[in-house]
Amino acid sequence: MYSYRSYLIWALCDLFILVVILLIAKNK
């Protein structure tokens, strides 16, 4: 919460999970 990178870390987490979701549901 006191890191100047916290929002960037959360954005990268969402990007990573977005890629994971696309891989999980690639044939759907």
PDB file of all heavy atoms in Angstrom:
ATOM      1  N   MET A   1       0.815  -1.211   0.000  1.00  0.00           N
ATOM      2  CA  MET A   1       0.000   0.000   0.000  1.00  0.00           C
ATOM      3  C   MET A   1       0.854   1.267   0.000  1.00  0.00           C
ATOM      4  O   MET A   1       0.406   2.303  -0.450  1.00  0.00           O
ATOM      5  CB  MET A   1      -0.951   0.009   1.193  1.00  0.00           C
ATOM      6  CG  MET A   1      -2.014  -1.068   1.117  1.00  0.00           C
ATOM      7  SD  MET A   1      -2.911  -1.107  -0.455  1.00  0.00           S
ATOM      8  CE  MET A   1      -3.818   0.402  -0.370  1.00  0.00           C
ATOM      9  N   TYR A   2       2.074   1.203   0.490  1.00  0.00           N
ATOM     10  CA  TYR A   2       2.930   2.368   0.511  1.00  0.00           C
ATOM     11  C   TYR A   2       4.016   2.310  -0.563  1.00  0.00           C
ATOM     12  O   TYR A   2       4.938   3.096  -0.553  1.00  0.00           O
ATOM     13  CB  TYR A   2       3.542   2.570   1.903  1.00  0.00           C
ATOM     14  CG  TYR A   2       2.489   2.948   2.902  1.00  0.00           C
ATOM     15  CD1 TYR A   2       2.014   2.018   3.820  1.00  0.00           C
ATOM     16  CD2 TYR A   2       1.926   4.218   2.889  1.00  0.00           C
ATOM     17  CE1 TYR A   2       1.014   2.364   4.722  1.00  0.00           C
ATOM     18  CE2 TYR A   2       0.931   4.570   3.785  1.00  0.00           C
ATOM     19  CZ  TYR A   2       0.488   3.636   4.695  1.00  0.00           C
ATOM     20  OH  TYR A   2      -0.509   3.969   5.578  1.00  0.00           O
ATOM     21  N   SER A   3       3.866   1.369  -1.467  1.00  0.00           N
ATOM     22  CA  SER A   3       4.805   1.266  -2.575  1.00  0.00           C
ATOM     23  C   SER A   3       4.316   2.145  -3.724  1.00  0.00           C
ATOM     24  O   SER A   3       3.125   2.181  -4.017  1.00  0.00           O
ATOM     25  CB  SER A   3       4.900  -0.184  -3.046  1.00  0.00           C
ATOM     26  OG  SER A   3       5.614  -0.266  -4.256  1.00  0.00           O
ATOM     27  N   TYR A   4       5.226   2.836  -4.377  1.00  0.00           N
ATOM     28  CA  TYR A   4       4.829   3.656  -5.519  1.00  0.00           C
ATOM     29  C   TYR A   4       4.508   2.794  -6.743  1.00  0.00           C
ATOM     30  O   TYR A   4       4.016   3.280  -7.735  1.00  0.00           O
ATOM     31  CB  TYR A   4       5.914   4.696  -5.850  1.00  0.00           C
ATOM     32  CG  TYR A   4       7.216   4.120  -6.327  1.00  0.00           C
ATOM     33  CD1 TYR A   4       7.474   3.957  -7.679  1.00  0.00           C
ATOM     34  CD2 TYR A   4       8.206   3.738  -5.411  1.00  0.00           C
ATOM     35  CE1 TYR A   4       8.665   3.427  -8.121  1.00  0.00           C
ATOM     36  CE2 TYR A   4       9.405   3.215  -5.847  1.00  0.00           C
ATOM     37  CZ  TYR A   4       9.624   3.057  -7.199  1.00  0.00           C
ATOM     38  OH  TYR A   4      10.807   2.528  -7.632  1.00  0.00           O
ATOM     39  N   ARG A   5       4.781   1.499  -6.634  1.00  0.00           N
ATOM     40  CA  ARG A   5       4.512   0.580  -7.745  1.00  0.00           C
ATOM     41  C   ARG A   5       3.235  -0.243  -7.556  1.00  0.00           C
ATOM     42  O   ARG A   5       2.959  -1.113  -8.363  1.00  0.00           O
ATOM     43  CB  ARG A   5       5.678  -0.384  -7.907  1.00  0.00           C
ATOM     44  CG  ARG A   5       6.945   0.265  -8.316  1.00  0.00           C
ATOM     45  CD  ARG A   5       8.003  -0.791  -8.587  1.00  0.00           C
ATOM     46  NE  ARG A   5       9.294  -0.173  -8.673  1.00  0.00           N
ATOM     47  CZ  ARG A   5      10.353  -0.569  -8.011  1.00  0.00           C
ATOM     48  NH1 ARG A   5      10.297  -1.600  -7.222  1.00  0.00           N
ATOM     49  NH2 ARG A   5      11.494   0.059  -8.154  1.00  0.00           N
ATOM     50  N   SER A   6       2.472  -0.027  -6.507  1.00  0.00           N
ATOM     51  CA  SER A   6       1.341  -0.905  -6.201  1.00  0.00           C
ATOM     52  C   SER A   6       0.321  -0.974  -7.341  1.00  0.00           C
ATOM     53  O   SER A   6      -0.127  -2.059  -7.710  1.00  0.00           O
ATOM     54  CB  SER A   6       0.659  -0.489  -4.896  1.00  0.00           C
ATOM     55  OG  SER A   6       0.198   0.835  -4.967  1.00  0.00           O
ATOM     56  N   TYR A   7      -0.031   0.172  -7.934  1.00  0.00           N
ATOM     57  CA  TYR A   7      -1.005   0.152  -9.033  1.00  0.00           C
ATOM     58  C   TYR A   7      -0.429  -0.560 -10.252  1.00  0.00           C
ATOM     59  O   TYR A   7      -1.137  -1.284 -10.954  1.00  0.00           O
ATOM     60  CB  TYR A   7      -1.435   1.569  -9.413  1.00  0.00           C
ATOM     61  CG  TYR A   7      -2.235   2.251  -8.335  1.00  0.00           C
ATOM     62  CD1 TYR A   7      -1.728   3.351  -7.663  1.00  0.00           C
ATOM     63  CD2 TYR A   7      -3.501   1.790  -7.983  1.00  0.00           C
ATOM     64  CE1 TYR A   7      -2.451   3.980  -6.674  1.00  0.00           C
ATOM     65  CE2 TYR A   7      -4.238   2.411  -6.994  1.00  0.00           C
ATOM     66  CZ  TYR A   7      -3.714   3.505  -6.343  1.00  0.00           C
ATOM     67  OH  TYR A   7      -4.434   4.121  -5.355  1.00  0.00           O
ATOM     68  N   LEU A   8       0.851  -0.392 -10.486  1.00  0.00           N
ATOM     69  CA  LEU A   8       1.502  -1.073 -11.604  1.00  0.00           C
ATOM     70  C   LEU A   8       1.536  -2.584 -11.372  1.00  0.00           C
ATOM     71  O   LEU A   8       1.299  -3.362 -12.295  1.00  0.00           O
ATOM     72  CB  LEU A   8       2.913  -0.514 -11.798  1.00  0.00           C
ATOM     73  CG  LEU A   8       3.650  -0.933 -13.052  1.00  0.00           C
ATOM     74  CD1 LEU A   8       2.880  -0.522 -14.303  1.00  0.00           C
ATOM     75  CD2 LEU A   8       5.035  -0.320 -13.070  1.00  0.00           C
ATOM     76  N   ILE A   9       1.789  -3.004 -10.147  1.00  0.00           N
ATOM     77  CA  ILE A   9       1.786  -4.432  -9.808  1.00  0.00           C
ATOM     78  C   ILE A   9       0.400  -5.020 -10.027  1.00  0.00           C
ATOM     79  O   ILE A   9       0.251  -6.105 -10.603  1.00  0.00           O
ATOM     80  CB  ILE A   9       2.276  -4.648  -8.364  1.00  0.00           C
ATOM     81  CG1 ILE A   9       3.759  -4.307  -8.255  1.00  0.00           C
ATOM     82  CG2 ILE A   9       2.003  -6.076  -7.894  1.00  0.00           C
ATOM     83  CD1 ILE A   9       4.284  -4.216  -6.832  1.00  0.00           C
ATOM     84  N   TRP A  10      -0.635  -4.295  -9.595  1.00  0.00           N
ATOM     85  CA  TRP A  10      -2.006  -4.782  -9.790  1.00  0.00           C
ATOM     86  C   TRP A  10      -2.355  -4.858 -11.276  1.00  0.00           C
ATOM     87  O   TRP A  10      -3.024  -5.791 -11.713  1.00  0.00           O
ATOM     88  CB  TRP A  10      -3.002  -3.906  -9.047  1.00  0.00           C
ATOM     89  CG  TRP A  10      -2.952  -4.084  -7.561  1.00  0.00           C
ATOM     90  CD1 TRP A  10      -2.584  -5.211  -6.879  1.00  0.00           C
ATOM     91  CD2 TRP A  10      -3.267  -3.117  -6.575  1.00  0.00           C
ATOM     92  NE1 TRP A  10      -2.657  -4.986  -5.529  1.00  0.00           N
ATOM     93  CE2 TRP A  10      -3.073  -3.708  -5.310  1.00  0.00           C
ATOM     94  CE3 TRP A  10      -3.690  -1.797  -6.627  1.00  0.00           C
ATOM     95  CZ2 TRP A  10      -3.303  -3.037  -4.122  1.00  0.00           C
ATOM     96  CZ3 TRP A  10      -3.915  -1.125  -5.444  1.00  0.00           C
ATOM     97  CH2 TRP A  10      -3.728  -1.736  -4.205  1.00  0.00           C
ATOM     98  N   ALA A  11      -1.882  -3.894 -12.064  1.00  0.00           N
ATOM     99  CA  ALA A  11      -2.127  -3.924 -13.508  1.00  0.00           C
ATOM    100  C   ALA A  11      -1.441  -5.132 -14.140  1.00  0.00           C
ATOM    101  O   ALA A  11      -2.029  -5.825 -14.981  1.00  0.00           O
ATOM    102  CB  ALA A  11      -1.641  -2.633 -14.161  1.00  0.00           C
ATOM    103  N   LEU A  12      -0.214  -5.406 -13.722  1.00  0.00           N
ATOM    104  CA  LEU A  12       0.501  -6.568 -14.264  1.00  0.00           C
ATOM    105  C   LEU A  12      -0.149  -7.877 -13.834  1.00  0.00           C
ATOM    106  O   LEU A  12      -0.198  -8.831 -14.620  1.00  0.00           O
ATOM    107  CB  LEU A  12       1.976  -6.519 -13.843  1.00  0.00           C
ATOM    108  CG  LEU A  12       2.789  -5.400 -14.485  1.00  0.00           C
ATOM    109  CD1 LEU A  12       4.184  -5.333 -13.876  1.00  0.00           C
ATOM    110  CD2 LEU A  12       2.857  -5.568 -15.992  1.00  0.00           C
ATOM    111  N   CYS A  13      -0.658  -7.931 -12.606  1.00  0.00           N
ATOM    112  CA  CYS A  13      -1.394  -9.126 -12.155  1.00  0.00           C
ATOM    113  C   CYS A  13      -2.629  -9.346 -13.026  1.00  0.00           C
ATOM    114  O   CYS A  13      -2.912 -10.479 -13.428  1.00  0.00           O
ATOM    115  CB  CYS A  13      -1.815  -8.990 -10.696  1.00  0.00           C
ATOM    116  SG  CYS A  13      -0.498  -9.264  -9.516  1.00  0.00           S
ATOM    117  N   ASP A  14      -3.356  -8.275 -13.324  1.00  0.00           N
ATOM    118  CA  ASP A  14      -4.542  -8.404 -14.176  1.00  0.00           C
ATOM    119  C   ASP A  14      -4.169  -8.824 -15.590  1.00  0.00           C
ATOM    120  O   ASP A  14      -4.861  -9.626 -16.211  1.00  0.00           O
ATOM    121  CB  ASP A  14      -5.339  -7.103 -14.195  1.00  0.00           C
ATOM    122  CG  ASP A  14      -6.236  -6.955 -12.980  1.00  0.00           C
ATOM    123  OD1 ASP A  14      -6.264  -7.879 -12.138  1.00  0.00           O
ATOM    124  OD2 ASP A  14      -6.917  -5.914 -12.865  1.00  0.00           O
ATOM    125  N   LEU A  15      -3.067  -8.301 -16.104  1.00  0.00           N
ATOM    126  CA  LEU A  15      -2.607  -8.708 -17.435  1.00  0.00           C
ATOM    127  C   LEU A  15      -2.249 -10.190 -17.446  1.00  0.00           C
ATOM    128  O   LEU A  15      -2.631 -10.928 -18.364  1.00  0.00           O
ATOM    129  CB  LEU A  15      -1.401  -7.865 -17.863  1.00  0.00           C
ATOM    130  CG  LEU A  15      -0.781  -8.237 -19.206  1.00  0.00           C
ATOM    131  CD1 LEU A  15      -1.777  -8.037 -20.332  1.00  0.00           C
ATOM    132  CD2 LEU A  15       0.488  -7.427 -19.446  1.00  0.00           C
ATOM    133  N   PHE A  16      -1.539 -10.641 -16.435  1.00  0.00           N
ATOM    134  CA  PHE A  16      -1.162 -12.055 -16.344  1.00  0.00           C
ATOM    135  C   PHE A  16      -2.406 -12.943 -16.269  1.00  0.00           C
ATOM    136  O   PHE A  16      -2.511 -13.942 -16.984  1.00  0.00           O
ATOM    137  CB  PHE A  16      -0.257 -12.287 -15.131  1.00  0.00           C
ATOM    138  CG  PHE A  16       0.102 -13.719 -14.915  1.00  0.00           C
ATOM    139  CD1 PHE A  16       1.031 -14.348 -15.739  1.00  0.00           C
ATOM    140  CD2 PHE A  16      -0.500 -14.465 -13.907  1.00  0.00           C
ATOM    141  CE1 PHE A  16       1.357 -15.692 -15.560  1.00  0.00           C
ATOM    142  CE2 PHE A  16      -0.182 -15.792 -13.719  1.00  0.00           C
ATOM    143  CZ  PHE A  16       0.753 -16.412 -14.544  1.00  0.00           C
ATOM    144  N   ILE A  17      -3.362 -12.568 -15.421  1.00  0.00           N
ATOM    145  CA  ILE A  17      -4.580 -13.377 -15.281  1.00  0.00           C
ATOM    146  C   ILE A  17      -5.409 -13.324 -16.554  1.00  0.00           C
ATOM    147  O   ILE A  17      -6.048 -14.310 -16.930  1.00  0.00           O
ATOM    148  CB  ILE A  17      -5.387 -12.929 -14.045  1.00  0.00           C
ATOM    149  CG1 ILE A  17      -4.630 -13.330 -12.797  1.00  0.00           C
ATOM    150  CG2 ILE A  17      -6.779 -13.524 -14.024  1.00  0.00           C
ATOM    151  CD1 ILE A  17      -4.298 -14.818 -12.695  1.00  0.00           C
ATOM    152  N   LEU A  18      -5.401 -12.202 -17.253  1.00  0.00           N
ATOM    153  CA  LEU A  18      -6.102 -12.111 -18.536  1.00  0.00           C
ATOM    154  C   LEU A  18      -5.532 -13.121 -19.522  1.00  0.00           C
ATOM    155  O   LEU A  18      -6.278 -13.829 -20.202  1.00  0.00           O
ATOM    156  CB  LEU A  18      -6.005 -10.690 -19.084  1.00  0.00           C
ATOM    157  CG  LEU A  18      -6.720 -10.404 -20.391  1.00  0.00           C
ATOM    158  CD1 LEU A  18      -8.213 -10.669 -20.269  1.00  0.00           C
ATOM    159  CD2 LEU A  18      -6.468  -8.973 -20.819  1.00  0.00           C
ATOM    160  N   VAL A  19      -4.219 -13.224 -19.580  1.00  0.00           N
ATOM    161  CA  VAL A  19      -3.580 -14.212 -20.460  1.00  0.00           C
ATOM    162  C   VAL A  19      -3.951 -15.626 -20.014  1.00  0.00           C
ATOM    163  O   VAL A  19      -4.269 -16.488 -20.846  1.00  0.00           O
ATOM    164  CB  VAL A  19      -2.046 -14.006 -20.489  1.00  0.00           C
ATOM    165  CG1 VAL A  19      -1.344 -15.153 -21.190  1.00  0.00           C
ATOM    166  CG2 VAL A  19      -1.706 -12.684 -21.146  1.00  0.00           C
ATOM    167  N   VAL A  20      -3.941 -15.886 -18.705  1.00  0.00           N
ATOM    168  CA  VAL A  20      -4.309 -17.204 -18.189  1.00  0.00           C
ATOM    169  C   VAL A  20      -5.752 -17.535 -18.559  1.00  0.00           C
ATOM    170  O   VAL A  20      -6.049 -18.653 -19.005  1.00  0.00           O
ATOM    171  CB  VAL A  20      -4.090 -17.273 -16.656  1.00  0.00           C
ATOM    172  CG1 VAL A  20      -4.714 -18.517 -16.056  1.00  0.00           C
ATOM    173  CG2 VAL A  20      -2.605 -17.208 -16.337  1.00  0.00           C
ATOM    174  N   ILE A  21      -6.658 -16.580 -18.403  1.00  0.00           N
ATOM    175  CA  ILE A  21      -8.071 -16.791 -18.750  1.00  0.00           C
ATOM    176  C   ILE A  21      -8.205 -17.104 -20.233  1.00  0.00           C
ATOM    177  O   ILE A  21      -8.950 -18.004 -20.626  1.00  0.00           O
ATOM    178  CB  ILE A  21      -8.926 -15.554 -18.372  1.00  0.00           C
ATOM    179  CG1 ILE A  21      -8.967 -15.342 -16.864  1.00  0.00           C
ATOM    180  CG2 ILE A  21     -10.330 -15.639 -18.959  1.00  0.00           C
ATOM    181  CD1 ILE A  21      -9.644 -16.419 -16.076  1.00  0.00           C
ATOM    182  N   LEU A  22      -7.486 -16.365 -21.071  1.00  0.00           N
ATOM    183  CA  LEU A  22      -7.552 -16.626 -22.513  1.00  0.00           C
ATOM    184  C   LEU A  22      -7.018 -18.015 -22.852  1.00  0.00           C
ATOM    185  O   LEU A  22      -7.537 -18.683 -23.760  1.00  0.00           O
ATOM    186  CB  LEU A  22      -6.785 -15.543 -23.279  1.00  0.00           C
ATOM    187  CG  LEU A  22      -7.426 -14.153 -23.261  1.00  0.00           C
ATOM    188  CD1 LEU A  22      -6.486 -13.124 -23.880  1.00  0.00           C
ATOM    189  CD2 LEU A  22      -8.770 -14.165 -23.962  1.00  0.00           C
ATOM    190  N   LEU A  23      -6.017 -18.478 -22.137  1.00  0.00           N
ATOM    191  CA  LEU A  23      -5.497 -19.834 -22.365  1.00  0.00           C
ATOM    192  C   LEU A  23      -6.472 -20.897 -21.868  1.00  0.00           C
ATOM    193  O   LEU A  23      -6.672 -21.919 -22.536  1.00  0.00           O
ATOM    194  CB  LEU A  23      -4.139 -20.005 -21.688  1.00  0.00           C
ATOM    195  CG  LEU A  23      -2.982 -19.244 -22.321  1.00  0.00           C
ATOM    196  CD1 LEU A  23      -1.730 -19.359 -21.461  1.00  0.00           C
ATOM    197  CD2 LEU A  23      -2.716 -19.746 -23.735  1.00  0.00           C
ATOM    198  N   ILE A  24      -7.071 -20.658 -20.706  1.00  0.00           N
ATOM    199  CA  ILE A  24      -8.018 -21.630 -20.145  1.00  0.00           C
ATOM    200  C   ILE A  24      -9.221 -21.797 -21.064  1.00  0.00           C
ATOM    201  O   ILE A  24      -9.683 -22.915 -21.297  1.00  0.00           O
ATOM    202  CB  ILE A  24      -8.482 -21.198 -18.731  1.00  0.00           C
ATOM    203  CG1 ILE A  24      -7.342 -21.341 -17.730  1.00  0.00           C
ATOM    204  CG2 ILE A  24      -9.702 -21.999 -18.280  1.00  0.00           C
ATOM    205  CD1 ILE A  24      -7.640 -20.741 -16.363  1.00  0.00           C
ATOM    206  N   ALA A  25      -9.731 -20.683 -21.581  1.00  0.00           N
ATOM    207  CA  ALA A  25     -10.977 -20.716 -22.361  1.00  0.00           C
ATOM    208  C   ALA A  25     -10.738 -20.482 -23.842  1.00  0.00           C
ATOM    209  O   ALA A  25     -11.621 -19.982 -24.543  1.00  0.00           O
ATOM    210  CB  ALA A  25     -11.936 -19.674 -21.802  1.00  0.00           C
ATOM    211  N   LYS A  26      -9.571 -20.867 -24.341  1.00  0.00           N
ATOM    212  CA  LYS A  26      -9.243 -20.573 -25.739  1.00  0.00           C
ATOM    213  C   LYS A  26     -10.181 -21.253 -26.740  1.00  0.00           C
ATOM    214  O   LYS A  26     -10.419 -20.721 -27.808  1.00  0.00           O
ATOM    215  CB  LYS A  26      -7.793 -20.937 -26.039  1.00  0.00           C
ATOM    216  CG  LYS A  26      -7.498 -22.403 -25.989  1.00  0.00           C
ATOM    217  CD  LYS A  26      -6.048 -22.687 -26.277  1.00  0.00           C
ATOM    218  CE  LYS A  26      -5.795 -24.155 -26.081  1.00  0.00           C
ATOM    219  NZ  LYS A  26      -4.405 -24.494 -26.067  1.00  0.00           N
ATOM    220  N   ASN A  27     -10.741 -22.390 -26.400  1.00  0.00           N
ATOM    221  CA  ASN A  27     -11.625 -23.105 -27.317  1.00  0.00           C
ATOM    222  C   ASN A  27     -13.100 -22.859 -27.033  1.00  0.00           C
ATOM    223  O   ASN A  27     -13.949 -23.528 -27.605  1.00  0.00           O
ATOM    224  CB  ASN A  27     -11.339 -24.606 -27.256  1.00  0.00           C
ATOM    225  CG  ASN A  27      -9.946 -24.928 -27.740  1.00  0.00           C
ATOM    226  OD1 ASN A  27      -9.416 -24.271 -28.631  1.00  0.00           O
ATOM    227  ND2 ASN A  27      -9.325 -25.919 -27.128  1.00  0.00           N
ATOM    228  N   LYS A  28     -13.402 -21.914 -26.168  1.00  0.00           N
ATOM    229  CA  LYS A  28     -14.790 -21.633 -25.800  1.00  0.00           C
ATOM    230  C   LYS A  28     -15.242 -20.332 -26.442  1.00  0.00           C
ATOM    231  O   LYS A  28     -14.574 -19.318 -26.354  1.00  0.00           O
ATOM    232  CB  LYS A  28     -14.949 -21.509 -24.273  1.00  0.00           C
ATOM    233  CG  LYS A  28     -14.538 -22.746 -23.526  1.00  0.00           C
ATOM    234  CD  LYS A  28     -15.477 -23.878 -23.838  1.00  0.00           C
ATOM    235  CE  LYS A  28     -15.020 -25.118 -23.099  1.00  0.00           C
ATOM    236  NZ  LYS A  28     -15.523 -26.322 -23.657  1.00  0.00           N
TER     237      LYS A  28
END
